Amino acid sequence: MTASNETGYVHQQAVRSGQIITANGSAFLDFGKRVLEALQAAPQPEIDEWYSFYKQGFHDYMNSKH
């Protein structure tokens, strides 16, 4: 028997609910961002900057800063 909760499915790369974080296999950056947020590892602007840097790549990120 297979369990299914189609109505509860969230169409996002990574999802956090309380202390539970889950992501699909291609969402390592989104998962990492949610973990850092859950741990409050840095101020939110710093986490957002880290995420943008790795999501965009060095050159695109640096070009977006100018």
Protein backbone atom coordinates (compact mmCIF):
# COMPACT_ATOMS: atom_id res chain seq x y z
CA MET A 1 0.00 0.00 0.00
CA THR A 2 1.27 3.46 -0.90
CA ALA A 3 0.45 6.49 1.22
CA SER A 4 -0.36 9.69 -0.59
CA ASN A 5 -1.18 13.22 0.45
CA GLU A 6 -1.58 15.03 -2.84
CA THR A 7 -3.64 17.82 -1.30
CA GLY A 8 -0.90 18.50 1.26
CA TYR A 9 1.94 18.54 -1.28
CA VAL A 10 3.79 21.85 -1.49
CA HIS A 11 5.28 22.68 -4.89
CA GLN A 12 8.58 24.13 -3.65
CA GLN A 13 12.18 23.01 -3.82
CA ALA A 14 12.50 22.89 -0.03
CA VAL A 15 9.94 23.15 2.75
CA ARG A 16 10.24 23.76 6.47
CA SER A 17 7.55 23.02 8.99
CA GLY A 18 8.74 23.61 12.53
CA GLN A 19 11.91 21.58 12.95
CA ILE A 20 11.26 19.36 9.91
CA ILE A 21 12.98 20.34 6.66
CA THR A 22 12.61 18.40 3.46
CA ALA A 23 13.66 18.96 -0.14
CA ASN A 24 13.77 17.21 -3.46
CA GLY A 25 17.03 15.76 -4.75
CA SER A 26 17.99 18.80 -6.83
CA ALA A 27 17.43 21.35 -4.08
CA PHE A 28 20.64 21.20 -2.06
CA LEU A 29 20.99 25.00 -1.95
CA ASP A 30 17.38 25.54 -0.90
CA PHE A 31 17.73 22.82 1.73
CA GLY A 32 20.93 24.38 3.06
CA LYS A 33 19.27 27.79 3.25
CA ARG A 34 16.34 26.39 5.25
CA VAL A 35 18.76 24.63 7.64
CA LEU A 36 20.74 27.85 8.20
CA GLU A 37 17.48 29.72 8.85
CA ALA A 38 16.25 27.06 11.28
CA LEU A 39 19.54 27.20 13.17
CA GLN A 40 19.63 31.00 13.01
CA ALA A 41 23.24 30.52 11.95
CA ALA A 42 23.56 34.09 10.67
CA PRO A 43 21.39 37.18 10.20
CA GLN A 44 18.77 36.68 7.45
CA PRO A 45 20.39 39.19 5.03
CA GLU A 46 23.65 37.24 5.27
CA ILE A 47 21.89 33.93 4.59
CA ASP A 48 20.07 35.50 1.63
CA GLU A 49 23.36 36.84 0.24
CA TRP A 50 25.03 33.44 0.57
CA TYR A 51 22.10 31.78 -1.16
CA SER A 52 22.08 34.31 -4.03
CA PHE A 53 25.83 33.97 -4.54
CA TYR A 54 25.68 30.20 -4.97
CA LYS A 55 22.34 30.16 -6.83
CA GLN A 56 23.47 32.72 -9.43
CA GLY A 57 27.15 31.81 -9.62
CA PHE A 58 30.09 34.15 -9.06
CA HIS A 59 29.95 36.18 -12.28
CA ASP A 60 26.19 36.76 -12.37
CA TYR A 61 26.12 37.56 -8.66
CA MET A 62 28.97 40.07 -8.95
CA ASN A 63 27.35 41.68 -11.99
CA SER A 64 24.05 42.02 -10.11
CA LYS A 65 25.81 43.94 -7.32
CA HIS A 66 26.82 46.79 -9.67
